[in-house]
Amino acid sequence: MTTDEIYANLTDIFREVFDDQQIVLHPDTTAADIADWDSFNHINIIVGAETRFGIKFQTSEVESLKNVGDMVTTIERKLSTGRMVNA
């Protein structure tokens, strides 16, 4: 899966979680950039990404995410190393 495909899938997840079709993600997008991005919605994003990409984030990975670019990098790493979960 390409980086652009990961961004497209994450954009779909964010738009669904926040019910906002206008969201456009960038590597430097943070919670401060999106209204209602609180801890509850952060969990929804993580679960949505795990489901969509067939991966599992470790707690330490979630805690280290500073922006969407970090999330994309982590997803790319997991997909390239085959650290996925069975659906």
N, C-alpha and C. Protein backbone atom coordinates (compact mmCIF):
# COMPACT_ATOMS: atom_id res chain seq x y z
N MET A 1 0.85 -1.17 0.00
CA MET A 1 0.00 0.00 0.00
C MET A 1 0.90 1.24 0.00
N THR A 2 0.57 2.19 -0.84
CA THR A 2 1.37 3.40 -0.95
C THR A 2 1.03 4.38 0.17
N THR A 3 1.92 5.34 0.34
CA THR A 3 1.67 6.39 1.34
C THR A 3 0.39 7.15 1.01
N ASP A 4 0.17 7.44 -0.27
CA ASP A 4 -1.05 8.14 -0.67
C ASP A 4 -2.29 7.33 -0.35
N GLU A 5 -2.22 6.02 -0.52
CA GLU A 5 -3.37 5.16 -0.19
C GLU A 5 -3.62 5.15 1.32
N ILE A 6 -2.55 5.17 2.10
CA ILE A 6 -2.72 5.22 3.55
C ILE A 6 -3.39 6.54 3.95
N TYR A 7 -2.92 7.65 3.38
CA TYR A 7 -3.56 8.94 3.67
C TYR A 7 -5.03 8.95 3.25
N ALA A 8 -5.34 8.37 2.10
CA ALA A 8 -6.73 8.33 1.64
C ALA A 8 -7.60 7.53 2.60
N ASN A 9 -7.09 6.39 3.06
CA ASN A 9 -7.84 5.57 4.01
C ASN A 9 -7.99 6.28 5.35
N LEU A 10 -6.92 6.91 5.83
CA LEU A 10 -7.02 7.66 7.09
C LEU A 10 -7.98 8.83 6.96
N THR A 11 -7.97 9.49 5.82
CA THR A 11 -8.91 10.59 5.60
C THR A 11 -10.34 10.09 5.72
N ASP A 12 -10.63 8.94 5.14
CA ASP A 12 -11.97 8.35 5.26
C ASP A 12 -12.32 8.10 6.72
N ILE A 13 -11.37 7.56 7.47
CA ILE A 13 -11.61 7.28 8.90
C ILE A 13 -11.88 8.57 9.65
N PHE A 14 -11.04 9.59 9.45
CA PHE A 14 -11.23 10.86 10.14
C PHE A 14 -12.57 11.49 9.78
N ARG A 15 -12.92 11.46 8.50
CA ARG A 15 -14.19 12.05 8.08
C ARG A 15 -15.38 11.34 8.72
N GLU A 16 -15.26 10.02 8.87
CA GLU A 16 -16.32 9.26 9.52
C GLU A 16 -16.39 9.56 11.01
N VAL A 17 -15.24 9.53 11.68
CA VAL A 17 -15.21 9.76 13.13
C VAL A 17 -15.73 11.15 13.47
N PHE A 18 -15.33 12.16 12.71
CA PHE A 18 -15.71 13.53 13.02
C PHE A 18 -16.92 14.02 12.23
N ASP A 19 -17.49 13.15 11.39
CA ASP A 19 -18.66 13.50 10.58
C ASP A 19 -18.43 14.83 9.86
N ASP A 20 -17.27 14.91 9.18
CA ASP A 20 -16.88 16.13 8.48
C ASP A 20 -16.17 15.75 7.19
N GLN A 21 -16.87 15.89 6.08
CA GLN A 21 -16.32 15.52 4.78
C GLN A 21 -15.29 16.51 4.26
N GLN A 22 -15.08 17.59 4.96
CA GLN A 22 -14.12 18.61 4.53
C GLN A 22 -12.71 18.39 5.07
N ILE A 23 -12.54 17.40 5.95
CA ILE A 23 -11.22 17.16 6.54
C ILE A 23 -10.23 16.74 5.47
N VAL A 24 -9.08 17.40 5.47
CA VAL A 24 -7.96 17.05 4.61
C VAL A 24 -6.75 16.87 5.53
N LEU A 25 -6.16 15.69 5.48
CA LEU A 25 -5.03 15.39 6.36
C LEU A 25 -3.70 15.74 5.70
N HIS A 26 -2.78 16.20 6.53
CA HIS A 26 -1.42 16.49 6.14
C HIS A 26 -0.50 15.85 7.17
N PRO A 27 0.76 15.64 6.85
CA PRO A 27 1.67 15.03 7.82
C PRO A 27 1.72 15.75 9.17
N ASP A 28 1.57 17.07 9.15
CA ASP A 28 1.67 17.83 10.39
C ASP A 28 0.33 18.09 11.07
N THR A 29 -0.75 17.45 10.60
CA THR A 29 -2.07 17.61 11.23
C THR A 29 -2.03 17.02 12.64
N THR A 30 -2.52 17.80 13.62
CA THR A 30 -2.58 17.36 15.01
C THR A 30 -4.00 17.54 15.54
N ALA A 31 -4.20 17.10 16.77
CA ALA A 31 -5.50 17.26 17.42
C ALA A 31 -5.92 18.72 17.50
N ALA A 32 -4.97 19.61 17.60
CA ALA A 32 -5.28 21.04 17.68
C ALA A 32 -5.89 21.58 16.38
N ASP A 33 -5.72 20.84 15.30
CA ASP A 33 -6.21 21.29 14.00
C ASP A 33 -7.64 20.85 13.69
N ILE A 34 -8.17 19.91 14.47
CA ILE A 34 -9.50 19.35 14.17
C ILE A 34 -10.39 19.48 15.40
N ALA A 35 -11.49 20.20 15.21
CA ALA A 35 -12.44 20.37 16.31
C ALA A 35 -12.94 19.00 16.79
N ASP A 36 -13.08 18.86 18.07
CA ASP A 36 -13.60 17.64 18.71
C ASP A 36 -12.62 16.46 18.71
N TRP A 37 -11.37 16.70 18.35
CA TRP A 37 -10.38 15.61 18.44
C TRP A 37 -9.92 15.53 19.89
N ASP A 38 -10.65 14.75 20.65
CA ASP A 38 -10.34 14.55 22.06
C ASP A 38 -9.87 13.11 22.26
N SER A 39 -9.67 12.71 23.51
CA SER A 39 -9.15 11.37 23.77
C SER A 39 -10.11 10.28 23.30
N PHE A 40 -11.40 10.51 23.43
CA PHE A 40 -12.38 9.53 22.98
C PHE A 40 -12.30 9.34 21.46
N ASN A 41 -12.26 10.43 20.73
CA ASN A 41 -12.18 10.33 19.27
C ASN A 41 -10.82 9.82 18.82
N HIS A 42 -9.78 10.08 19.62
CA HIS A 42 -8.46 9.54 19.30
C HIS A 42 -8.52 8.01 19.32
N ILE A 43 -9.20 7.46 20.30
CA ILE A 43 -9.37 6.01 20.38
C ILE A 43 -10.15 5.51 19.17
N ASN A 44 -11.19 6.23 18.78
CA ASN A 44 -11.96 5.84 17.60
C ASN A 44 -11.11 5.83 16.34
N ILE A 45 -10.20 6.80 16.22
CA ILE A 45 -9.30 6.85 15.07
C ILE A 45 -8.36 5.64 15.09
N ILE A 46 -7.79 5.36 16.24
CA ILE A 46 -6.85 4.24 16.36
C ILE A 46 -7.54 2.93 16.03
N VAL A 47 -8.72 2.70 16.60
CA VAL A 47 -9.48 1.47 16.33
C VAL A 47 -9.86 1.40 14.85
N GLY A 48 -10.27 2.51 14.29
CA GLY A 48 -10.61 2.54 12.87
C GLY A 48 -9.42 2.19 11.99
N ALA A 49 -8.25 2.73 12.34
CA ALA A 49 -7.04 2.43 11.57
C ALA A 49 -6.64 0.96 11.73
N GLU A 50 -6.73 0.45 12.95
CA GLU A 50 -6.40 -0.97 13.17
C GLU A 50 -7.30 -1.87 12.33
N THR A 51 -8.56 -1.56 12.31
CA THR A 51 -9.53 -2.35 11.54
C THR A 51 -9.28 -2.22 10.05
N ARG A 52 -9.13 -1.00 9.58
CA ARG A 52 -8.96 -0.75 8.15
C ARG A 52 -7.69 -1.37 7.59
N PHE A 53 -6.59 -1.27 8.34
CA PHE A 53 -5.30 -1.73 7.84
C PHE A 53 -4.91 -3.12 8.33
N GLY A 54 -5.72 -3.70 9.22
CA GLY A 54 -5.43 -5.03 9.73
C GLY A 54 -4.17 -5.07 10.57
N ILE A 55 -3.97 -4.02 11.37
CA ILE A 55 -2.78 -3.92 12.22
C ILE A 55 -3.20 -3.75 13.67
N LYS A 56 -2.24 -3.77 14.55
CA LYS A 56 -2.49 -3.52 15.97
C LYS A 56 -1.42 -2.57 16.47
N PHE A 57 -1.84 -1.43 17.03
CA PHE A 57 -0.91 -0.49 17.64
C PHE A 57 -0.61 -0.92 19.06
N GLN A 58 0.64 -0.80 19.45
CA GLN A 58 1.02 -1.00 20.84
C GLN A 58 0.75 0.32 21.59
N THR A 59 0.50 0.22 22.89
CA THR A 59 0.23 1.42 23.68
C THR A 59 1.35 2.43 23.54
N SER A 60 2.59 1.98 23.58
CA SER A 60 3.72 2.90 23.46
C SER A 60 3.74 3.61 22.11
N GLU A 61 3.27 2.93 21.06
CA GLU A 61 3.21 3.56 19.74
C GLU A 61 2.15 4.66 19.72
N VAL A 62 1.00 4.37 20.30
CA VAL A 62 -0.08 5.36 20.34
C VAL A 62 0.38 6.59 21.12
N GLU A 63 1.04 6.35 22.24
CA GLU A 63 1.50 7.46 23.07
C GLU A 63 2.56 8.30 22.38
N SER A 64 3.30 7.72 21.44
CA SER A 64 4.37 8.46 20.77
C SER A 64 3.91 9.23 19.54
N LEU A 65 2.67 9.04 19.10
CA LEU A 65 2.17 9.72 17.91
C LEU A 65 1.99 11.21 18.21
N LYS A 66 2.68 12.04 17.44
CA LYS A 66 2.59 13.49 17.63
C LYS A 66 1.72 14.15 16.56
N ASN A 67 1.55 13.47 15.43
CA ASN A 67 0.77 14.04 14.33
C ASN A 67 0.37 12.92 13.36
N VAL A 68 -0.36 13.27 12.34
CA VAL A 68 -0.83 12.28 11.37
C VAL A 68 0.36 11.65 10.63
N GLY A 69 1.39 12.43 10.37
CA GLY A 69 2.57 11.88 9.70
C GLY A 69 3.20 10.74 10.50
N ASP A 70 3.24 10.88 11.83
CA ASP A 70 3.75 9.80 12.68
C ASP A 70 2.88 8.56 12.55
N MET A 71 1.58 8.76 12.48
CA MET A 71 0.65 7.64 12.34
C MET A 71 0.87 6.92 11.02
N VAL A 72 1.02 7.69 9.95
CA VAL A 72 1.26 7.11 8.63
C VAL A 72 2.56 6.31 8.62
N THR A 73 3.61 6.87 9.19
CA THR A 73 4.90 6.19 9.26
C THR A 73 4.78 4.87 10.02
N THR A 74 4.05 4.88 11.12
CA THR A 74 3.86 3.67 11.91
C THR A 74 3.07 2.63 11.13
N ILE A 75 2.03 3.07 10.45
CA ILE A 75 1.23 2.14 9.63
C ILE A 75 2.08 1.55 8.51
N GLU A 76 2.86 2.39 7.84
CA GLU A 76 3.74 1.90 6.77
C GLU A 76 4.70 0.85 7.30
N ARG A 77 5.29 1.11 8.45
CA ARG A 77 6.24 0.16 9.05
C ARG A 77 5.56 -1.17 9.35
N LYS A 78 4.37 -1.09 9.93
CA LYS A 78 3.66 -2.32 10.29
C LYS A 78 3.25 -3.11 9.03
N LEU A 79 2.82 -2.41 8.01
CA LEU A 79 2.42 -3.10 6.78
C LEU A 79 3.62 -3.71 6.07
N SER A 80 4.76 -3.03 6.13
CA SER A 80 5.94 -3.53 5.42
C SER A 80 6.62 -4.69 6.16
N THR A 81 6.44 -4.74 7.48
CA THR A 81 7.05 -5.83 8.25
C THR A 81 6.09 -6.98 8.49
N GLY A 82 4.86 -6.82 8.02
CA GLY A 82 3.89 -7.89 8.19
C GLY A 82 3.38 -8.03 9.61
N ARG A 83 3.51 -6.94 10.42
CA ARG A 83 3.03 -6.98 11.80
C ARG A 83 1.54 -6.65 11.83
N MET A 84 0.77 -7.54 11.22
CA MET A 84 -0.65 -7.35 11.10
C MET A 84 -1.36 -8.37 11.97
N VAL A 85 -2.63 -8.18 12.15
CA VAL A 85 -3.44 -9.12 12.93
C VAL A 85 -4.40 -9.83 11.99
N ASN A 86 -4.83 -10.97 12.39
CA ASN A 86 -5.83 -11.69 11.60
C ASN A 86 -7.18 -11.06 11.82
N ALA A 87 -7.90 -10.85 10.73
CA ALA A 87 -9.23 -10.25 10.82
C ALA A 87 -10.24 -11.29 11.24
